[in-house]
Protein backbone atom coordinates (compact mmCIF):
# COMPACT_ATOMS: atom_id res chain seq x y z
CA MET A 1 -0.04 0.29 -0.29
CA ARG A 2 1.52 3.23 -0.97
CA LEU A 3 1.72 6.01 1.82
CA SER A 4 -0.33 9.27 1.19
CA VAL A 5 2.22 12.18 2.06
CA LEU A 6 1.54 15.89 1.89
CA ILE A 7 4.76 17.87 1.00
CA VAL A 8 4.54 21.52 2.71
CA ASP A 9 7.28 24.32 1.09
CA ASP A 10 7.07 27.27 0.43
CA HIS A 11 9.41 26.93 -2.95
CA ALA A 12 7.19 25.45 -6.19
CA ASP A 13 10.12 24.01 -7.76
CA PHE A 14 10.82 21.89 -4.83
CA ARG A 15 7.35 20.88 -4.20
CA ASP A 16 7.42 19.91 -7.82
CA ALA A 17 10.32 17.94 -7.54
CA ALA A 18 9.70 16.28 -4.35
CA ALA A 19 5.98 15.44 -5.62
CA ALA A 20 7.94 13.61 -8.79
CA LEU A 21 10.61 11.82 -6.79
CA LEU A 22 8.02 10.81 -4.51
CA GLU A 23 5.32 9.65 -6.52
CA THR A 24 7.95 7.36 -8.53
CA GLU A 25 9.49 5.85 -5.13
CA GLY A 26 6.67 4.27 -4.13
CA PHE A 27 4.24 7.24 -2.16
CA ASN A 28 0.76 8.63 -3.12
CA VAL A 29 1.43 12.53 -3.15
CA VAL A 30 -1.98 13.85 -2.41
CA GLY A 31 -1.18 17.76 -2.08
CA ALA A 32 0.93 20.36 -1.35
CA ALA A 33 0.79 23.37 0.31
CA ALA A 34 2.95 26.80 0.88
CA ASP A 35 2.92 28.01 4.56
CA GLY A 36 1.69 26.51 7.62
CA ASP A 37 -1.75 27.60 7.53
CA ALA A 38 -2.17 26.13 4.31
CA ALA A 39 -0.59 22.89 5.75
CA LEU A 40 -3.58 22.98 8.87
CA ALA A 41 -6.12 23.19 6.11
CA ALA A 42 -4.65 20.88 3.42
CA SER A 43 -3.93 17.89 6.33
CA LYS A 44 -7.30 18.54 7.61
CA GLN A 45 -9.22 18.04 4.62
CA LEU A 46 -7.02 15.44 2.83
CA ARG A 47 -5.78 13.19 5.96
CA PRO A 48 -2.63 12.36 4.89
CA GLN A 49 -0.86 9.29 6.52
CA VAL A 50 2.61 11.18 5.94
CA VAL A 51 3.38 15.10 5.84
CA LEU A 52 6.74 16.46 4.43
CA LEU A 53 7.34 20.01 6.59
CA ASP A 54 9.88 22.09 5.56
CA VAL A 55 11.04 24.20 8.61
CA GLN A 56 11.32 27.62 7.48
CA LEU A 57 7.59 28.48 6.05
CA PRO A 58 6.18 32.08 6.26
CA GLY A 59 3.95 32.69 9.12
CA LEU A 60 3.68 29.57 11.28
CA ASP A 61 7.41 27.67 11.11
CA GLY A 62 7.58 23.92 10.60
CA PHE A 63 7.87 23.68 14.36
CA ALA A 64 4.59 25.52 15.14
CA VAL A 65 3.01 23.48 12.25
CA ALA A 66 4.21 20.05 13.66
CA GLU A 67 2.88 20.83 17.37
CA LEU A 68 -0.53 21.60 15.80
CA LEU A 69 -0.84 18.87 13.69
CA ALA A 70 0.63 16.44 16.68
CA HIS A 71 -2.73 17.27 18.80
CA THR A 72 -5.62 16.42 16.01
CA PRO A 73 -7.36 13.10 16.08
CA GLU A 74 -5.01 10.73 14.37
CA PRO A 75 -2.10 12.92 13.53
CA PRO A 76 -0.23 12.34 10.11
CA ALA A 77 3.31 11.06 10.63
CA VAL A 78 5.43 14.34 10.47
CA VAL A 79 8.67 14.32 8.66
CA LEU A 80 10.83 17.88 8.78
CA ILE A 81 12.81 19.14 5.68
CA SER A 82 15.20 21.88 5.50
CA SER A 83 17.81 23.31 3.06
CA ARG A 84 19.98 23.37 6.19
CA GLU A 85 21.66 20.65 8.62
CA ALA A 86 19.86 19.02 11.45
CA ALA A 87 22.07 20.56 13.75
CA SER A 88 21.16 23.84 13.32
CA TYR A 89 17.96 23.17 15.42
CA GLY A 90 19.23 21.65 18.19
CA PRO A 91 16.92 21.00 21.03
CA ARG A 92 14.05 22.22 18.92
CA LEU A 93 14.56 19.35 16.43
CA GLU A 94 14.92 17.07 19.55
CA ALA A 95 11.61 18.22 21.31
CA ALA A 96 9.64 18.29 18.00
CA PRO A 97 6.46 16.01 17.79
CA VAL A 98 8.17 14.08 14.31
CA ARG A 99 9.45 11.16 13.17
CA GLY A 100 12.84 12.79 12.21
CA PHE A 101 14.38 14.87 9.68
CA ILE A 102 16.12 14.76 6.16
CA PRO A 103 18.26 17.38 4.83
CA LYS A 104 16.28 18.50 1.64
CA ARG A 105 19.57 17.21 -0.39
CA ALA A 106 19.09 13.86 0.92
CA LEU A 107 15.61 13.58 0.38
CA SER A 108 14.43 9.89 -1.40
CA GLY A 109 11.48 7.37 -1.13
CA ALA A 110 14.32 5.30 0.99
CA ALA A 111 14.58 8.07 3.23
CA LEU A 112 11.07 9.28 4.02
CA ALA A 113 10.43 5.15 4.24
CA ALA A 114 13.06 4.86 6.94
CA LEU A 115 11.09 7.13 9.10
CA VAL A 116 7.78 6.57 8.38
CA GLY A 117 7.40 2.65 6.95
């Protein structure tokens, strides 16, 4: 069964590239959002199993969105992504209610599956 994924990133080119990559590698990309508020609305409407969530977003950042998603009924598995390395986020990343973190340059279906599989 292909896991459903919502991609949240403020760069359209990255959303498109990530969707194409993940679809090819066995995931079902059900939607995309460009900011935190849109991510919350899309997650509520689409009910994805996984939310691939950029840390740096306009408005609510990825950490705030992850926190809000964690308190929804049947919360999705959240994986944070960033163009920065995990060490840039330190204790915030460790405390976040997420399955893990993938640097954008290392995104692959295998990397995502390893965290949510």
